[in-house]
Amino acid sequence: MLLVKVDRNQLKAMPPKLVSDGGDHMVIRPLAYVAEKDLERWAKVRQFPIIPCTLCGSQDGLQRQVVGEMLREWEKKHPGRIENMFAAMQNVVPSHLMDHTKFDFKNLKSTGVASEDGDKAFDHEEFPMASLPGMQVVSL
């Protein structure tokens, strides 16, 4: 997703199921929801051979590798960030992007009524108190 956003000024990613541009073929990615690090570990356990591929961007010096390194650094500094990005791709809110073909900004009006699809980023969120044996929660 980042590679397309940076290089082609588009916000998109390859979904788990996709019809080819020509409409003739269906691409199915059955492991789309499995983390790459888990796939690598499984391949080692199963001793799957690594087949060189010049189509998928595994060659040296490509932008795909630069973005991959950036993501690995982010994950080291901010664990969980990659999972959050993946989850965000499944929770798109068109009204909070800038594509007027996906959301009718021109006719948007204030209604005075809260919307379920509205921005919840800064809303107060209630969390249940955890009760662990021997643990005391202190409010500040």
N, C-alpha and C. Protein backbone atom coordinates (compact mmCIF):
# COMPACT_ATOMS: atom_id res chain seq x y z
N MET A 1 0.83 -1.18 0.00
CA MET A 1 0.00 0.00 0.00
C MET A 1 0.87 1.25 0.00
N LEU A 2 1.90 1.30 0.83
CA LEU A 2 2.76 2.48 0.87
C LEU A 2 3.49 2.69 -0.44
N LEU A 3 3.91 1.61 -1.06
CA LEU A 3 4.66 1.72 -2.31
C LEU A 3 3.81 2.37 -3.39
N VAL A 4 2.57 1.98 -3.51
CA VAL A 4 1.69 2.57 -4.51
C VAL A 4 1.39 4.02 -4.15
N LYS A 5 1.20 4.30 -2.88
CA LYS A 5 0.89 5.66 -2.44
C LYS A 5 2.05 6.59 -2.75
N VAL A 6 3.26 6.16 -2.49
CA VAL A 6 4.44 7.01 -2.69
C VAL A 6 4.78 7.14 -4.17
N ASP A 7 4.78 6.06 -4.91
CA ASP A 7 5.24 6.08 -6.29
C ASP A 7 4.18 6.50 -7.30
N ARG A 8 2.90 6.22 -7.03
CA ARG A 8 1.88 6.44 -8.06
C ARG A 8 0.76 7.38 -7.62
N ASN A 9 0.91 8.00 -6.46
CA ASN A 9 -0.09 8.93 -5.94
C ASN A 9 -1.48 8.31 -5.86
N GLN A 10 -1.54 7.06 -5.46
CA GLN A 10 -2.81 6.37 -5.27
C GLN A 10 -2.79 5.67 -3.92
N LEU A 11 -3.94 5.53 -3.33
CA LEU A 11 -4.07 4.80 -2.08
C LEU A 11 -4.77 3.49 -2.40
N LYS A 12 -3.97 2.44 -2.58
CA LYS A 12 -4.55 1.12 -2.87
C LYS A 12 -3.55 0.05 -2.50
N ALA A 13 -4.06 -1.15 -2.38
CA ALA A 13 -3.23 -2.31 -2.08
C ALA A 13 -3.86 -3.50 -2.81
N MET A 14 -3.12 -4.58 -2.91
CA MET A 14 -3.66 -5.76 -3.58
C MET A 14 -4.52 -6.53 -2.58
N PRO A 15 -5.82 -6.66 -2.86
CA PRO A 15 -6.71 -7.35 -1.93
C PRO A 15 -6.54 -8.87 -2.01
N PRO A 16 -7.20 -9.60 -1.12
CA PRO A 16 -7.09 -11.07 -1.13
C PRO A 16 -7.66 -11.71 -2.39
N LYS A 17 -8.55 -11.01 -3.08
CA LYS A 17 -9.16 -11.53 -4.30
C LYS A 17 -9.31 -10.36 -5.27
N LEU A 18 -8.79 -10.54 -6.49
CA LEU A 18 -8.74 -9.43 -7.44
C LEU A 18 -8.93 -9.93 -8.86
N VAL A 19 -9.75 -9.24 -9.63
CA VAL A 19 -9.91 -9.55 -11.05
C VAL A 19 -8.82 -8.79 -11.80
N SER A 20 -8.17 -9.45 -12.75
CA SER A 20 -7.10 -8.82 -13.52
C SER A 20 -7.63 -7.61 -14.29
N ASP A 21 -6.74 -6.72 -14.68
CA ASP A 21 -7.13 -5.51 -15.41
C ASP A 21 -7.94 -5.84 -16.65
N GLY A 22 -7.58 -6.91 -17.35
CA GLY A 22 -8.30 -7.30 -18.55
C GLY A 22 -9.63 -7.98 -18.27
N GLY A 23 -9.89 -8.34 -17.03
CA GLY A 23 -11.14 -8.98 -16.64
C GLY A 23 -11.20 -10.47 -16.90
N ASP A 24 -10.10 -11.05 -17.39
CA ASP A 24 -10.11 -12.46 -17.77
C ASP A 24 -9.71 -13.42 -16.64
N HIS A 25 -8.98 -12.92 -15.66
CA HIS A 25 -8.41 -13.82 -14.65
C HIS A 25 -8.72 -13.32 -13.24
N MET A 26 -8.79 -14.29 -12.33
CA MET A 26 -8.99 -13.98 -10.93
C MET A 26 -7.71 -14.33 -10.18
N VAL A 27 -7.18 -13.38 -9.43
CA VAL A 27 -6.01 -13.63 -8.58
C VAL A 27 -6.53 -13.84 -7.17
N ILE A 28 -6.18 -14.98 -6.59
CA ILE A 28 -6.60 -15.30 -5.22
C ILE A 28 -5.35 -15.44 -4.38
N ARG A 29 -5.28 -14.69 -3.29
CA ARG A 29 -4.13 -14.74 -2.39
C ARG A 29 -4.58 -15.38 -1.08
N PRO A 30 -4.53 -16.71 -0.98
CA PRO A 30 -5.07 -17.39 0.20
C PRO A 30 -4.32 -17.08 1.49
N LEU A 31 -3.11 -16.57 1.40
CA LEU A 31 -2.33 -16.26 2.61
C LEU A 31 -2.23 -14.75 2.85
N ALA A 32 -3.14 -13.99 2.27
CA ALA A 32 -3.10 -12.53 2.37
C ALA A 32 -3.15 -12.02 3.81
N TYR A 33 -3.79 -12.77 4.69
CA TYR A 33 -3.95 -12.32 6.08
C TYR A 33 -2.89 -12.91 7.02
N VAL A 34 -1.89 -13.55 6.46
CA VAL A 34 -0.81 -14.15 7.26
C VAL A 34 0.40 -13.22 7.20
N ALA A 35 0.97 -12.92 8.34
CA ALA A 35 2.13 -12.03 8.41
C ALA A 35 3.32 -12.64 7.66
N GLU A 36 4.08 -11.79 6.98
CA GLU A 36 5.22 -12.25 6.20
C GLU A 36 6.23 -12.99 7.07
N LYS A 37 6.46 -12.50 8.28
CA LYS A 37 7.43 -13.18 9.15
C LYS A 37 6.96 -14.59 9.50
N ASP A 38 5.63 -14.79 9.64
CA ASP A 38 5.10 -16.13 9.91
C ASP A 38 5.27 -17.04 8.69
N LEU A 39 5.07 -16.48 7.50
CA LEU A 39 5.27 -17.26 6.27
C LEU A 39 6.73 -17.67 6.13
N GLU A 40 7.65 -16.76 6.45
CA GLU A 40 9.08 -17.08 6.36
C GLU A 40 9.45 -18.20 7.32
N ARG A 41 8.94 -18.13 8.55
CA ARG A 41 9.23 -19.18 9.53
C ARG A 41 8.66 -20.51 9.08
N TRP A 42 7.44 -20.51 8.57
CA TRP A 42 6.80 -21.74 8.11
C TRP A 42 7.57 -22.33 6.94
N ALA A 43 8.03 -21.48 6.02
CA ALA A 43 8.80 -21.96 4.86
C ALA A 43 10.09 -22.63 5.32
N LYS A 44 10.72 -22.08 6.36
CA LYS A 44 11.96 -22.69 6.88
C LYS A 44 11.67 -24.04 7.52
N VAL A 45 10.60 -24.09 8.32
CA VAL A 45 10.23 -25.35 8.98
C VAL A 45 9.94 -26.43 7.95
N ARG A 46 9.22 -26.06 6.91
CA ARG A 46 8.84 -27.01 5.87
C ARG A 46 9.93 -27.21 4.81
N GLN A 47 11.00 -26.42 4.91
CA GLN A 47 12.14 -26.47 3.98
C GLN A 47 11.69 -26.24 2.53
N PHE A 48 10.80 -25.26 2.37
CA PHE A 48 10.38 -24.90 1.02
C PHE A 48 11.54 -24.19 0.31
N PRO A 49 11.76 -24.48 -0.96
CA PRO A 49 12.83 -23.78 -1.68
C PRO A 49 12.42 -22.35 -2.00
N ILE A 50 13.38 -21.44 -2.01
CA ILE A 50 13.13 -20.07 -2.41
C ILE A 50 13.38 -19.99 -3.91
N ILE A 51 12.37 -19.64 -4.65
CA ILE A 51 12.48 -19.57 -6.10
C ILE A 51 12.70 -18.11 -6.49
N PRO A 52 13.81 -17.78 -7.14
CA PRO A 52 14.04 -16.38 -7.55
C PRO A 52 12.95 -15.92 -8.51
N CYS A 53 12.54 -14.68 -8.34
CA CYS A 53 11.45 -14.13 -9.15
C CYS A 53 11.80 -12.71 -9.56
N THR A 54 11.78 -12.44 -10.84
CA THR A 54 12.07 -11.08 -11.30
C THR A 54 10.80 -10.26 -11.46
N LEU A 55 9.65 -10.85 -11.17
CA LEU A 55 8.39 -10.13 -11.32
C LEU A 55 7.92 -9.47 -10.03
N CYS A 56 8.27 -10.04 -8.88
CA CYS A 56 7.68 -9.59 -7.62
C CYS A 56 8.50 -8.52 -6.90
N GLY A 57 9.58 -8.06 -7.49
CA GLY A 57 10.34 -6.99 -6.85
C GLY A 57 11.39 -7.47 -5.88
N SER A 58 11.89 -8.69 -6.05
CA SER A 58 12.91 -9.21 -5.13
C SER A 58 14.32 -8.84 -5.58
N GLN A 59 14.46 -8.14 -6.69
CA GLN A 59 15.78 -7.76 -7.17
C GLN A 59 16.37 -6.66 -6.27
N ASP A 60 17.69 -6.57 -6.26
CA ASP A 60 18.38 -5.56 -5.45
C ASP A 60 18.07 -4.15 -5.92
N GLY A 61 18.01 -3.23 -4.96
CA GLY A 61 17.92 -1.81 -5.26
C GLY A 61 16.56 -1.28 -5.67
N LEU A 62 15.51 -2.05 -5.53
CA LEU A 62 14.18 -1.57 -5.92
C LEU A 62 13.51 -0.82 -4.77
N GLN A 63 12.55 0.03 -5.10
CA GLN A 63 11.82 0.81 -4.10
C GLN A 63 11.09 -0.09 -3.12
N ARG A 64 10.66 -1.26 -3.57
CA ARG A 64 9.97 -2.21 -2.70
C ARG A 64 10.85 -2.58 -1.51
N GLN A 65 12.14 -2.75 -1.75
CA GLN A 65 13.07 -3.09 -0.66
C GLN A 65 13.26 -1.92 0.29
N VAL A 66 13.30 -0.70 -0.25
CA VAL A 66 13.45 0.49 0.59
C VAL A 66 12.25 0.62 1.52
N VAL A 67 11.05 0.45 0.97
CA VAL A 67 9.83 0.53 1.79
C VAL A 67 9.80 -0.61 2.81
N GLY A 68 10.21 -1.80 2.40
CA GLY A 68 10.27 -2.94 3.33
C GLY A 68 11.19 -2.67 4.50
N GLU A 69 12.34 -2.08 4.23
CA GLU A 69 13.28 -1.73 5.31
C GLU A 69 12.68 -0.67 6.23
N MET A 70 12.01 0.32 5.65
CA MET A 70 11.36 1.35 6.45
C MET A 70 10.32 0.72 7.39
N LEU A 71 9.53 -0.22 6.88
CA LEU A 71 8.53 -0.89 7.71
C LEU A 71 9.17 -1.70 8.82
N ARG A 72 10.27 -2.39 8.52
CA ARG A 72 10.97 -3.16 9.56
C ARG A 72 11.50 -2.24 10.66
N GLU A 73 12.02 -1.08 10.28
CA GLU A 73 12.50 -0.11 11.28
C GLU A 73 11.35 0.41 12.13
N TRP A 74 10.23 0.72 11.49
CA TRP A 74 9.06 1.17 12.25
C TRP A 74 8.64 0.12 13.25
N GLU A 75 8.63 -1.14 12.83
CA GLU A 75 8.19 -2.22 13.72
C GLU A 75 9.12 -2.36 14.91
N LYS A 76 10.42 -2.15 14.69
CA LYS A 76 11.38 -2.20 15.81
C LYS A 76 11.11 -1.07 16.80
N LYS A 77 10.89 0.12 16.30
CA LYS A 77 10.71 1.29 17.16
C LYS A 77 9.30 1.38 17.73
N HIS A 78 8.32 0.89 17.00
CA HIS A 78 6.92 0.99 17.41
C HIS A 78 6.23 -0.35 17.17
N PRO A 79 6.43 -1.34 18.03
CA PRO A 79 5.81 -2.66 17.84
C PRO A 79 4.29 -2.55 17.67
N GLY A 80 3.76 -3.28 16.72
CA GLY A 80 2.32 -3.27 16.47
C GLY A 80 1.90 -2.33 15.37
N ARG A 81 2.80 -1.47 14.90
CA ARG A 81 2.43 -0.49 13.88
C ARG A 81 2.00 -1.16 12.57
N ILE A 82 2.70 -2.23 12.19
CA ILE A 82 2.37 -2.92 10.94
C ILE A 82 0.96 -3.51 11.03
N GLU A 83 0.64 -4.13 12.16
CA GLU A 83 -0.70 -4.69 12.34
C GLU A 83 -1.76 -3.60 12.30
N ASN A 84 -1.45 -2.43 12.88
CA ASN A 84 -2.39 -1.31 12.84
C ASN A 84 -2.62 -0.84 11.41
N MET A 85 -1.56 -0.78 10.62
CA MET A 85 -1.69 -0.37 9.22
C MET A 85 -2.55 -1.38 8.46
N PHE A 86 -2.32 -2.65 8.72
CA PHE A 86 -3.10 -3.71 8.06
C PHE A 86 -4.58 -3.59 8.44
N ALA A 87 -4.83 -3.37 9.72
CA ALA A 87 -6.22 -3.22 10.19
C ALA A 87 -6.86 -1.98 9.56
N ALA A 88 -6.09 -0.91 9.41
CA ALA A 88 -6.63 0.32 8.81
C ALA A 88 -7.08 0.09 7.38
N MET A 89 -6.42 -0.80 6.65
CA MET A 89 -6.81 -1.09 5.28
C MET A 89 -8.18 -1.77 5.22
N GLN A 90 -8.63 -2.29 6.36
CA GLN A 90 -9.93 -2.96 6.42
C GLN A 90 -10.98 -2.07 7.08
N ASN A 91 -10.60 -0.86 7.46
CA ASN A 91 -11.51 0.07 8.14
C ASN A 91 -11.45 1.45 7.49
N VAL A 92 -11.67 1.51 6.20
CA VAL A 92 -11.57 2.76 5.45
C VAL A 92 -12.80 3.62 5.71
N VAL A 93 -12.57 4.90 5.95
CA VAL A 93 -13.64 5.87 6.17
C VAL A 93 -13.54 6.92 5.06
N PRO A 94 -14.29 6.74 3.95
CA PRO A 94 -14.16 7.65 2.80
C PRO A 94 -14.38 9.12 3.14
N SER A 95 -15.23 9.41 4.12
CA SER A 95 -15.49 10.81 4.49
C SER A 95 -14.27 11.48 5.12
N HIS A 96 -13.27 10.68 5.48
CA HIS A 96 -12.08 11.24 6.12
C HIS A 96 -10.87 11.21 5.19
N LEU A 97 -11.12 10.93 3.93
CA LEU A 97 -10.09 11.01 2.91
C LEU A 97 -10.43 12.24 2.05
N MET A 98 -9.79 12.37 0.90
CA MET A 98 -10.03 13.57 0.10
C MET A 98 -10.54 13.26 -1.30
N ASP A 99 -11.08 12.07 -1.53
CA ASP A 99 -11.52 11.68 -2.86
C ASP A 99 -13.00 12.02 -3.03
N HIS A 100 -13.27 13.09 -3.76
CA HIS A 100 -14.66 13.53 -3.94
C HIS A 100 -15.48 12.55 -4.78
N THR A 101 -14.82 11.60 -5.46
CA THR A 101 -15.59 10.58 -6.19
C THR A 101 -16.08 9.47 -5.26
N LYS A 102 -15.51 9.38 -4.08
CA LYS A 102 -15.91 8.35 -3.11
C LYS A 102 -16.82 8.90 -2.00
N PHE A 103 -16.84 10.24 -1.87
CA PHE A 103 -17.67 10.85 -0.83
C PHE A 103 -18.15 12.20 -1.34
N ASP A 104 -19.42 12.49 -1.13
CA ASP A 104 -20.03 13.73 -1.63
C ASP A 104 -19.78 14.88 -0.66
N PHE A 105 -18.60 15.48 -0.74
CA PHE A 105 -18.26 16.61 0.13
C PHE A 105 -19.06 17.85 -0.24
N LYS A 106 -19.37 18.00 -1.52
CA LYS A 106 -20.06 19.20 -2.01
C LYS A 106 -21.41 19.38 -1.33
N ASN A 107 -22.13 18.28 -1.14
CA ASN A 107 -23.47 18.35 -0.54
C ASN A 107 -23.50 18.01 0.94
N LEU A 108 -22.35 17.93 1.58
CA LEU A 108 -22.27 17.61 3.00
C LEU A 108 -22.85 18.76 3.83
N LYS A 109 -23.71 18.43 4.78
CA LYS A 109 -24.33 19.45 5.63
C LYS A 109 -24.27 19.02 7.09
N SER A 110 -24.18 19.99 7.94
CA SER A 110 -24.22 19.75 9.38
C SER A 110 -25.66 19.44 9.77
N THR A 111 -25.87 18.37 10.55
CA THR A 111 -27.23 17.98 10.94
C THR A 111 -27.51 18.18 12.42
N GLY A 112 -26.45 18.34 13.21
CA GLY A 112 -26.64 18.46 14.64
C GLY A 112 -26.87 17.12 15.32
N VAL A 113 -26.82 16.04 14.53
CA VAL A 113 -27.03 14.69 15.06
C VAL A 113 -25.74 13.89 14.87
N ALA A 114 -25.31 13.23 15.94
CA ALA A 114 -24.09 12.42 15.86
C ALA A 114 -24.25 11.31 14.84
N SER A 115 -23.19 11.05 14.10
CA SER A 115 -23.20 9.99 13.09
C SER A 115 -22.36 8.82 13.56
N GLU A 116 -22.86 7.62 13.34
CA GLU A 116 -22.09 6.42 13.69
C GLU A 116 -20.78 6.36 12.91
N ASP A 117 -20.77 6.92 11.70
CA ASP A 117 -19.57 6.92 10.86
C ASP A 117 -18.66 8.11 11.17
N GLY A 118 -19.04 8.93 12.14
CA GLY A 118 -18.28 10.15 12.43
C GLY A 118 -16.92 9.87 13.02
N ASP A 119 -16.16 10.94 13.19
CA ASP A 119 -14.80 10.85 13.70
C ASP A 119 -14.82 10.58 15.20
N LYS A 120 -14.23 9.47 15.58
CA LYS A 120 -14.20 9.08 16.99
C LYS A 120 -12.79 9.20 17.58
N ALA A 121 -11.86 9.77 16.80
CA ALA A 121 -10.45 9.79 17.19
C ALA A 121 -10.22 10.44 18.55
N PHE A 122 -10.96 11.48 18.87
CA PHE A 122 -10.70 12.20 20.11
C PHE A 122 -11.83 12.07 21.11
N ASP A 123 -12.77 11.17 20.85
CA ASP A 123 -13.86 10.94 21.78
C ASP A 123 -13.32 10.22 23.02
N HIS A 124 -13.93 10.51 24.15
CA HIS A 124 -13.55 9.82 25.38
C HIS A 124 -13.99 8.37 25.29
N GLU A 125 -13.11 7.48 25.66
CA GLU A 125 -13.43 6.06 25.57
C GLU A 125 -13.38 5.45 26.97
N GLU A 126 -14.41 4.70 27.33
CA GLU A 126 -14.48 4.05 28.63
C GLU A 126 -13.86 2.66 28.54
N PHE A 127 -12.99 2.34 29.46
CA PHE A 127 -12.39 1.02 29.52
C PHE A 127 -12.77 0.36 30.83
N PRO A 128 -13.14 -0.91 30.79
CA PRO A 128 -13.48 -1.59 32.05
C PRO A 128 -12.25 -1.72 32.93
N MET A 129 -12.46 -1.62 34.23
CA MET A 129 -11.36 -1.76 35.17
C MET A 129 -10.90 -3.21 35.21
N ALA A 130 -9.61 -3.39 35.08
CA ALA A 130 -9.05 -4.74 35.16
C ALA A 130 -8.93 -5.13 36.62
N SER A 131 -9.28 -6.36 36.93
CA SER A 131 -9.13 -6.83 38.29
C SER A 131 -8.27 -8.09 38.27
N LEU A 132 -7.03 -7.90 38.63
CA LEU A 132 -6.10 -9.01 38.70
C LEU A 132 -5.79 -9.30 40.16
N PRO A 133 -5.66 -10.56 40.53
CA PRO A 133 -5.36 -10.89 41.93
C PRO A 133 -4.05 -10.21 42.37
N GLY A 134 -4.11 -9.50 43.48
CA GLY A 134 -2.92 -8.86 44.01
C GLY A 134 -2.57 -7.54 43.34
N MET A 135 -3.39 -7.09 42.41
CA MET A 135 -3.12 -5.85 41.66
C MET A 135 -4.11 -4.79 42.12
N GLN A 136 -3.61 -3.57 42.37
CA GLN A 136 -4.46 -2.48 42.76
C GLN A 136 -4.34 -1.38 41.72
N VAL A 137 -5.46 -0.86 41.26
CA VAL A 137 -5.48 0.24 40.29
C VAL A 137 -5.59 1.54 41.05
N VAL A 138 -4.67 2.45 40.76
CA VAL A 138 -4.66 3.74 41.43
C VAL A 138 -5.02 4.80 40.41
N SER A 139 -6.04 5.59 40.70
CA SER A 139 -6.43 6.68 39.82
C SER A 139 -5.61 7.91 40.16
N LEU A 140 -5.17 8.59 39.11
CA LEU A 140 -4.36 9.81 39.33
C LEU A 140 -5.19 11.04 39.10
